[in-house]
Structure formats: structure tokens, C-alpha cells
């Protein structure tokens, strides 16, 4: 009978290890991913990431637009463009827009109404800088970095509303040309009816109206219900590993020694396994993302830039999750060690009869 009880306790100990690790990983991810405050804190450094990634995305968009108009690729220096983006971006503006986007997404998930979800971007600080001295400096930096024209016909193709030169004619002063390009950019912005009507405020829907089919709405409703369920009940998952410890105690614990042994070793195993997974899983995510092969036919140049940007934005969220798992697994380890010490100190002594 005692052997059967110990066998059942051993199975429960293994079940505790796997359920405790799974619960530790899942509940912490749920806590981070479903808490808008934690997500904002994790993305607090996104402004630096976005500014660093913006030049590649801008160049990809310009190259794609040039190709659609039958024009050669624009020879824009990403290093110069990075300086221009840094000059144009108002301090803290991107962080504010990121917080707005997070609030919009969470509001839509909590209400289940994707049709009403739209991200409101206040572009007025950015537009003021584009039309002012920072914009002139940025345009000058880009224009003066262009190569000299080998063919006069290559000069100043039209992209959108503002002429963007692909090269510099040797007979034209680069600073004068930059002033003219900046003036054209300002004029194009002032004549944009969308900018004029919304006074620099944009509303970007999470999904375009034509994309919100009944199937899409139903899928989003399911996602919203799952999101709210995780928010409310993720902590209940801890009842399973805690229940395993309780049943172990009921089955085999009859002394302090048995308590330390039957609880200490499962806690130690769960803590070590959770620590290893917390260190390995973010690295595996980064590795698989970097080695993933995206089909050029499936993604445009701009989309590929966004594909490269996404891991940089997800990384802070993974870091927040990893910190929480490491902290709680460390707490589990600190709980296991005294229990094992208790088992060692209270180990029954063998009595030898002479």
C-alpha cells in the first residue's frame, strides 16, 4: 500500500513540474500581453527602435513608388536619411503615438468592436517641423548627398506631389536645389486636402471597411473573448500545480523530512526547467525569425522592412516576459532550497543494534 502511494506521489510530482512550468510561462505571457500598462512600459524604448528602422522603411517605400512609375531606384544614402529622420522627429512624439496605438488595440480587444477601432495620430508636431527649419535641414542633408547626374534627363523625376531629384546636375547649386525641393514639399503638404480637413490628425482604422467581412468580425469577436478570458482567469491555472502539492502531502507526507523531500525536489525541478526555458525561448524566437525565408513575391520592399522591424518591437515585450519568469522561477528556487535543507537536517538516523 505504501509503495502505491509513493508511486502516485511520484506521478503527481512529475505532473507538478510540467504544469508549474507551463503555468509560469503562460500566465506571465498573458499578464504582459493583456496588460496595456506593461505593454507600454515594454515599448517605452520603441522610439529609438523606430527612428533607427525608419530610413530603411522610407527608402523601400520610395524605391517601390519609383518602380511603379517606371523610374530608376533613388540613390538615397540611408546614413544621411537617418540623420534627417532624427532631425525631423519631435522628441517624445513617436512614444506618444505608440501609446495611442496600444490603447486603440486594447480598446478594440476589450470591446470586441474592430469596426470602431481606429488609431488617431497627431501629426501636427511632425508637420510643423517638416515645414520649418528642421525640415529644410533634413531635405538639404538628403539632396546634398545625391550623386552627380550622368545624364541631364535623369534630373528631378516626379514622385507624388513633390519633385524628388535622383541626382544633382553639376551646374545647379545643391543648397539652392534643396531650398526649392523643401518649398515644393511644403506646398504639397499645404495643398493636401486630407491634411487641411483633419488639421494634421489622422485616423487609421485597424481594418479597412472593405476588409471587415462577417467572417473577419466573427474571428475578431472570438479573439476578443479569448483576450478577456485570459485577462480574468489566467491566474486560475495555478490551482493545478498547487493541487498537485496538496495531494502529494495527503498521500505521503507524514513528517518534516517527507515534506522537505516531496515538495523540495519538484519545486527544484520546476524552477530549473523554467529558468532554462526563460533563457532559451527568446533566443529561439530571434533565431527562427532571422532564419525565416520570406518570399519576395509575397512581400513588397516596405513590407519586408516592417518584417525586420517587428522583432525589434516584440523584443521588449519578450524581455518583460523573461524578467517576470526569471524572477518567479528564482523565487521557486529559493523556496525549494530550504525545503531540501529541511529534508537533509530531519533525515531519520539509522539505529544499529549490536
Protein backbone atom coordinates (compact mmCIF):
# COMPACT_ATOMS: atom_id res chain seq x y z
CA UNK A 1 0.00 0.00 0.00
CA UNK A 2 2.78 2.42 0.93
CA UNK A 3 4.52 1.67 -2.36
CA UNK A 4 1.38 2.53 -4.36
CA UNK A 5 1.03 5.82 -2.51
CA UNK A 6 4.65 6.73 -3.25
CA UNK A 7 4.18 5.80 -6.92
CA UNK A 8 1.13 8.05 -7.17
CA UNK A 9 3.01 10.83 -5.37
CA UNK A 10 5.89 10.49 -7.84
CA UNK A 11 3.47 10.84 -10.76
CA UNK A 12 1.95 13.90 -9.11
CA UNK A 13 5.44 15.33 -8.60
CA UNK A 14 6.17 14.98 -12.33
CA UNK A 15 2.76 16.46 -13.13
CA UNK A 16 3.58 19.37 -10.82
CA UNK A 17 6.85 20.08 -12.61
CA UNK A 18 5.27 20.25 -16.06
CA UNK A 19 2.12 22.10 -15.00
CA UNK A 20 4.06 24.59 -12.85
CA UNK A 21 6.48 25.40 -15.68
CA UNK A 22 3.68 25.66 -18.23
CA UNK A 23 1.64 27.86 -15.91
CA UNK A 24 4.65 30.03 -15.13
CA UNK A 25 5.39 30.63 -18.81
CA UNK A 26 1.79 31.11 -19.94
CA UNK A 27 0.47 33.25 -17.11
CA UNK A 28 3.39 35.65 -17.31
CA UNK A 29 2.98 35.99 -21.06
CA UNK A 30 -0.74 36.53 -20.54
CA UNK A 31 -0.03 39.13 -17.86
CA UNK A 32 2.35 41.06 -20.09
CA UNK A 33 0.41 40.70 -23.34
CA UNK A 34 -3.01 41.59 -21.88
CA UNK A 35 -1.91 44.48 -19.65
CA UNK A 36 -1.75 47.73 -21.59
CA UNK A 37 0.39 49.41 -18.93
CA UNK A 38 3.01 46.67 -19.07
CA UNK A 39 2.98 46.71 -22.87
CA UNK A 40 3.51 50.49 -22.88
CA UNK A 41 6.35 50.14 -20.41
CA UNK A 42 7.90 47.39 -22.53
CA UNK A 43 7.63 49.58 -25.64
CA UNK A 44 9.00 52.66 -23.86
CA UNK A 45 12.19 52.41 -25.92
CA UNK A 46 10.37 51.90 -29.21
CA UNK A 47 11.05 55.50 -30.30
CA UNK A 48 14.75 54.75 -30.65
CA UNK A 49 13.97 51.50 -32.48
CA UNK A 50 11.53 53.17 -34.87
CA UNK A 51 13.91 56.02 -35.66
CA UNK A 52 16.69 53.51 -36.34
CA UNK A 53 14.45 51.43 -38.63
CA UNK A 54 12.72 54.37 -40.37
CA UNK A 55 15.43 55.05 -43.02
CA UNK A 56 15.24 51.53 -44.44
CA UNK A 57 11.43 51.66 -44.50
CA UNK A 58 11.44 55.10 -46.17
CA UNK A 59 13.96 54.02 -48.80
CA UNK A 60 11.97 50.84 -49.50
CA UNK A 61 8.77 52.87 -49.93
CA UNK A 62 10.46 55.41 -52.24
CA UNK A 63 12.09 52.68 -54.34
CA UNK A 64 8.78 50.84 -54.68
CA UNK A 65 6.96 54.04 -55.65
CA UNK A 66 9.66 54.86 -58.18
CA UNK A 67 9.41 51.43 -59.78
CA UNK A 68 5.62 51.69 -60.09
CA UNK A 69 6.18 54.92 -62.07
CA UNK A 70 8.85 53.37 -64.28
CA UNK A 71 11.67 55.38 -62.69
CA UNK A 72 15.13 54.19 -61.63
CA UNK A 73 15.80 53.45 -57.99
CA UNK A 74 16.50 56.53 -55.90
CA UNK A 75 20.15 56.51 -54.69
CA UNK A 76 19.35 57.69 -51.15
CA UNK A 77 22.06 57.31 -48.51
CA UNK A 78 20.42 55.63 -45.50
CA UNK A 79 23.02 57.15 -43.17
CA UNK A 80 22.13 60.66 -44.28
CA UNK A 81 18.45 59.78 -44.17
CA UNK A 82 18.87 58.54 -40.58
CA UNK A 83 20.25 61.95 -39.59
CA UNK A 84 17.33 63.59 -41.36
CA UNK A 85 14.79 61.43 -39.52
CA UNK A 86 16.45 62.24 -36.20
CA UNK A 87 16.25 65.95 -37.07
CA UNK A 88 12.58 65.78 -38.04
CA UNK A 89 11.17 63.60 -35.26
CA UNK A 90 9.88 65.74 -32.37
CA UNK A 91 11.22 64.47 -29.02
CA UNK A 92 8.74 62.02 -27.49
CA UNK A 93 6.36 62.19 -30.45
CA UNK A 94 6.81 58.57 -31.55
CA UNK A 95 6.40 57.32 -27.97
CA UNK A 96 3.11 59.20 -27.70
CA UNK A 97 1.84 57.71 -30.95
CA UNK A 98 2.91 54.24 -29.80
CA UNK A 99 0.90 54.64 -26.58
CA UNK A 100 -2.10 55.78 -28.65
CA UNK A 101 -1.83 52.71 -30.88
CA UNK A 102 -1.60 50.38 -27.85
CA UNK A 103 -4.69 52.00 -26.26
CA UNK A 104 -6.65 51.66 -29.51
CA UNK A 105 -5.76 47.99 -29.94
CA UNK A 106 -6.61 47.15 -26.32
CA UNK A 107 -9.90 49.07 -26.51
CA UNK A 108 -10.87 47.10 -29.60
CA UNK A 109 -9.92 43.77 -27.99
CA UNK A 110 -11.78 44.58 -24.76
CA UNK A 111 -14.95 45.73 -26.54
CA UNK A 112 -14.80 43.32 -29.48
CA UNK A 113 -15.68 46.12 -31.91
CA UNK A 114 -12.98 46.14 -34.57
CA UNK A 115 -15.05 48.36 -36.89
CA UNK A 116 -14.93 51.25 -34.40
CA UNK A 117 -11.24 50.81 -33.68
CA UNK A 118 -9.05 53.44 -35.28
CA UNK A 119 -5.66 54.82 -34.33
CA UNK A 120 -5.66 58.60 -34.08
CA UNK A 121 -2.27 60.01 -34.98
CA UNK A 122 -1.49 63.65 -34.24
CA UNK A 123 0.93 64.60 -36.99
CA UNK A 124 0.84 68.33 -36.27
CA UNK A 125 4.17 68.45 -34.37
CA UNK A 126 5.82 66.47 -37.16
CA UNK A 127 4.28 68.60 -39.92
CA UNK A 128 5.38 71.79 -38.20
CA UNK A 129 8.95 70.54 -38.13
CA UNK A 130 8.79 69.34 -41.75
CA UNK A 131 7.62 72.79 -42.88
CA UNK A 132 10.10 74.60 -40.64
CA UNK A 133 13.86 74.74 -40.22
CA UNK A 134 14.28 71.05 -39.23
CA UNK A 135 12.54 70.05 -42.47
CA UNK A 136 14.82 72.31 -44.51
CA UNK A 137 17.88 70.82 -42.81
CA UNK A 138 16.67 67.28 -43.45
CA UNK A 139 15.93 67.96 -47.13
CA UNK A 140 19.31 69.66 -47.54
CA UNK A 141 21.10 66.68 -45.99
CA UNK A 142 19.37 64.28 -48.39
CA UNK A 143 19.74 66.41 -51.53
CA UNK A 144 23.40 67.27 -50.98
CA UNK A 145 24.20 63.55 -50.60
CA UNK A 146 22.86 62.67 -54.07
CA UNK A 147 25.34 61.73 -56.81
CA UNK A 148 26.07 63.96 -59.79
CA UNK A 149 23.84 63.39 -62.82
CA UNK A 150 25.46 61.46 -65.64
CA UNK A 151 22.52 62.26 -67.94
CA UNK A 152 20.57 65.55 -67.77
CA UNK A 153 17.36 63.63 -68.43
CA UNK A 154 17.78 61.85 -65.11
CA UNK A 155 17.14 65.03 -63.16
CA UNK A 156 14.05 65.54 -60.97
CA UNK A 157 11.53 62.81 -61.76
CA UNK A 158 8.13 63.38 -60.18
CA UNK A 159 7.18 61.16 -57.29
CA UNK A 160 3.84 62.00 -55.77
CA UNK A 161 3.24 65.76 -55.49
CA UNK A 162 6.82 66.87 -54.74
CA UNK A 163 9.74 66.53 -57.20
CA UNK A 164 12.47 64.37 -55.70
CA UNK A 165 15.73 64.50 -57.68
CA UNK A 166 17.62 61.27 -58.22
CA UNK A 167 20.86 63.11 -58.90
CA UNK A 168 22.45 66.59 -58.86
CA UNK A 169 23.13 68.49 -62.09
CA UNK A 170 26.68 69.87 -61.87
CA UNK A 171 25.58 73.37 -62.93
CA UNK A 172 22.99 73.76 -60.11
CA UNK A 173 23.96 74.68 -56.55
CA UNK A 174 22.92 71.87 -54.19
CA UNK A 175 21.75 74.23 -51.42
CA UNK A 176 19.56 76.20 -53.81
CA UNK A 177 18.08 72.97 -55.15
CA UNK A 178 17.44 71.78 -51.59
CA UNK A 179 15.58 75.01 -50.82
CA UNK A 180 13.43 74.52 -53.90
CA UNK A 181 12.69 70.88 -53.03
CA UNK A 182 11.76 71.87 -49.48
CA UNK A 183 9.48 74.63 -50.79
CA UNK A 184 7.78 72.08 -53.05
CA UNK A 185 7.35 69.70 -50.14
CA UNK A 186 5.77 72.43 -48.02
CA UNK A 187 3.45 73.42 -50.88
CA UNK A 188 2.42 69.80 -51.41
CA UNK A 189 1.60 69.45 -47.71
CA UNK A 190 -0.40 72.66 -47.63
CA UNK A 191 -2.38 71.65 -50.71
CA UNK A 192 -3.20 68.19 -49.38
CA UNK A 193 -6.97 68.23 -48.74
CA UNK A 194 -6.77 65.43 -46.19
CA UNK A 195 -4.22 67.33 -44.13
CA UNK A 196 -6.21 70.54 -44.43
CA UNK A 197 -9.51 68.91 -43.46
CA UNK A 198 -8.19 67.00 -40.48
CA UNK A 199 -5.71 69.68 -39.37
CA UNK A 200 -2.85 67.20 -39.17
CA UNK A 201 -4.81 64.49 -37.35
CA UNK A 202 -5.16 61.10 -38.99
CA UNK A 203 -7.49 58.25 -38.12
CA UNK A 204 -6.13 54.91 -39.27
CA UNK A 205 -8.69 52.09 -38.91
CA UNK A 206 -7.39 48.78 -37.61
CA UNK A 207 -9.06 47.20 -40.64
CA UNK A 208 -10.33 48.86 -43.79
CA UNK A 209 -14.10 48.81 -44.13
CA UNK A 210 -13.96 46.54 -47.15
CA UNK A 211 -11.83 44.07 -45.15
CA UNK A 212 -14.38 43.75 -42.31
CA UNK A 213 -16.38 40.82 -43.60
CA UNK A 214 -18.78 38.85 -41.34
CA UNK A 215 -16.10 36.16 -41.09
CA UNK A 216 -13.49 38.73 -40.04
CA UNK A 217 -15.83 40.25 -37.46
CA UNK A 218 -16.66 36.79 -36.06
CA UNK A 219 -12.96 35.89 -35.85
CA UNK A 220 -12.20 39.15 -34.05
CA UNK A 221 -15.07 38.51 -31.64
CA UNK A 222 -13.55 35.12 -30.79
CA UNK A 223 -10.17 36.74 -30.30
CA UNK A 224 -11.74 39.40 -28.08
CA UNK A 225 -13.50 36.79 -25.93
CA UNK A 226 -10.24 34.84 -25.57
CA UNK A 227 -8.42 38.04 -24.66
CA UNK A 228 -10.92 38.91 -21.93
CA UNK A 229 -10.92 35.32 -20.67
CA UNK A 230 -7.14 35.35 -20.35
CA UNK A 231 -7.27 38.70 -18.56
CA UNK A 232 -9.75 37.41 -15.99
CA UNK A 233 -8.85 33.77 -15.46
CA UNK A 234 -5.17 33.20 -16.31
CA UNK A 235 -4.23 33.15 -12.59
CA UNK A 236 -6.64 30.22 -12.02
CA UNK A 237 -4.17 27.97 -13.86
CA UNK A 238 -2.04 27.93 -10.72
CA UNK A 239 -4.70 25.78 -9.00
CA UNK A 240 -3.50 22.68 -10.87
CA UNK A 241 0.16 22.68 -9.71
CA UNK A 242 -0.89 23.78 -6.23
CA UNK A 243 -3.40 20.94 -6.16
CA UNK A 244 -0.61 18.51 -7.04
CA UNK A 245 1.39 19.63 -4.00
CA UNK A 246 -1.66 19.28 -1.76
CA UNK A 247 -2.36 15.72 -2.95
CA UNK A 248 1.32 14.80 -2.55
CA UNK A 249 1.12 15.97 1.06
CA UNK A 250 -2.06 13.99 1.66
CA UNK A 251 -0.60 10.82 0.15
CA UNK A 252 2.92 10.54 1.57
CA UNK A 253 3.86 13.45 3.85
CA UNK A 254 3.91 12.31 7.45
CA UNK A 255 6.92 14.24 8.76
CA UNK A 256 9.04 17.32 8.17
CA UNK A 257 11.59 15.19 6.34
CA UNK A 258 8.99 13.89 3.89
CA UNK A 259 7.59 17.38 3.39
CA UNK A 260 11.02 18.74 2.50
CA UNK A 261 11.76 15.84 0.16
CA UNK A 262 8.40 15.52 -1.61
CA UNK A 263 7.96 19.25 -2.07
CA UNK A 264 11.57 20.34 -2.39
CA UNK A 265 12.60 18.20 -5.35
CA UNK A 266 9.55 19.00 -7.52
CA UNK A 267 9.97 22.71 -6.78
CA UNK A 268 13.67 22.50 -7.64
CA UNK A 269 12.96 20.68 -10.92
CA UNK A 270 10.27 23.16 -11.94
CA UNK A 271 12.49 26.14 -11.06
CA UNK A 272 15.50 24.85 -13.03
CA UNK A 273 13.38 23.93 -16.07
CA UNK A 274 11.62 27.31 -16.04
CA UNK A 275 14.93 29.16 -15.77
CA UNK A 276 16.34 27.25 -18.75
CA UNK A 277 13.24 27.84 -20.89
CA UNK A 278 13.16 31.53 -19.98
CA UNK A 279 16.72 31.86 -21.28
CA UNK A 280 16.28 29.67 -24.36
CA UNK A 281 12.85 30.61 -25.76
CA UNK A 282 13.58 34.31 -26.56
CA UNK A 283 16.82 33.26 -28.25
CA UNK A 284 14.95 30.64 -30.29
CA UNK A 285 12.38 33.24 -31.34
CA UNK A 286 15.13 35.57 -32.55
CA UNK A 287 16.94 32.73 -34.33
CA UNK A 288 13.88 31.40 -36.16
CA UNK A 289 12.79 34.89 -37.16
CA UNK A 290 16.22 35.77 -38.54
CA UNK A 291 16.49 32.49 -40.45
CA UNK A 292 12.91 32.60 -41.78
CA UNK A 293 12.80 32.93 -45.56
CA UNK A 294 10.19 35.39 -46.83
CA UNK A 295 9.12 35.08 -50.43
CA UNK A 296 9.90 38.24 -52.44
CA UNK A 297 6.63 37.73 -54.30
CA UNK A 298 4.67 37.74 -51.05
CA UNK A 299 6.17 40.89 -49.56
CA UNK A 300 6.89 44.29 -51.02
CA UNK A 301 10.02 46.24 -50.10
CA UNK A 302 8.15 48.20 -47.45
CA UNK A 303 6.56 45.04 -46.07
CA UNK A 304 9.98 43.43 -45.78
CA UNK A 305 11.18 46.46 -43.82
CA UNK A 306 8.22 46.02 -41.49
CA UNK A 307 9.04 42.32 -41.19
CA UNK A 308 12.51 43.33 -40.00
CA UNK A 309 11.08 45.95 -37.65
CA UNK A 310 8.56 43.68 -35.93
CA UNK A 311 11.11 41.60 -33.96
CA UNK A 312 12.67 44.82 -32.63
CA UNK A 313 9.28 45.88 -31.27
CA UNK A 314 8.43 42.41 -29.95
CA UNK A 315 11.82 42.08 -28.23
CA UNK A 316 10.99 44.48 -25.34
CA UNK A 317 7.76 42.55 -24.66
CA UNK A 318 9.70 39.28 -24.63
CA UNK A 319 12.23 40.89 -22.31
CA UNK A 320 9.48 41.92 -19.89
CA UNK A 321 8.08 38.37 -20.01
CA UNK A 322 11.55 36.88 -19.47
CA UNK A 323 12.24 39.13 -16.47
CA UNK A 324 8.99 38.08 -14.80
CA UNK A 325 9.62 34.37 -15.44
CA UNK A 326 13.20 34.58 -14.16
CA UNK A 327 12.06 36.41 -11.04
CA UNK A 328 9.29 33.93 -10.22
CA UNK A 329 11.40 30.88 -11.08
CA UNK A 330 14.11 32.30 -8.84
CA UNK A 331 11.54 32.62 -6.06
CA UNK A 332 10.53 29.00 -6.61
CA UNK A 333 14.20 28.00 -6.38
CA UNK A 334 14.60 29.92 -3.12
CA UNK A 335 11.58 28.07 -1.76
CA UNK A 336 12.92 24.68 -2.86
CA UNK A 337 16.36 25.03 -1.28
CA UNK A 338 15.14 25.47 2.34
CA UNK A 339 12.78 22.55 1.88
CA UNK A 340 15.63 20.32 0.69
CA UNK A 341 17.75 21.56 3.58
CA UNK A 342 14.89 20.68 5.92
CA UNK A 343 14.76 17.18 4.44
CA UNK A 344 18.50 16.80 4.95
CA UNK A 345 18.51 18.02 8.54
CA UNK A 346 15.50 15.93 9.58
CA UNK A 347 16.60 12.77 7.85
CA UNK A 348 15.90 9.75 10.09
CA UNK A 349 19.00 8.32 11.63
CA UNK A 350 19.59 4.63 11.32
CA UNK A 351 19.89 2.79 14.63
CA UNK A 352 22.29 -0.13 14.60
CA UNK A 353 21.71 -2.95 17.07
CA UNK A 354 24.71 -4.77 18.46
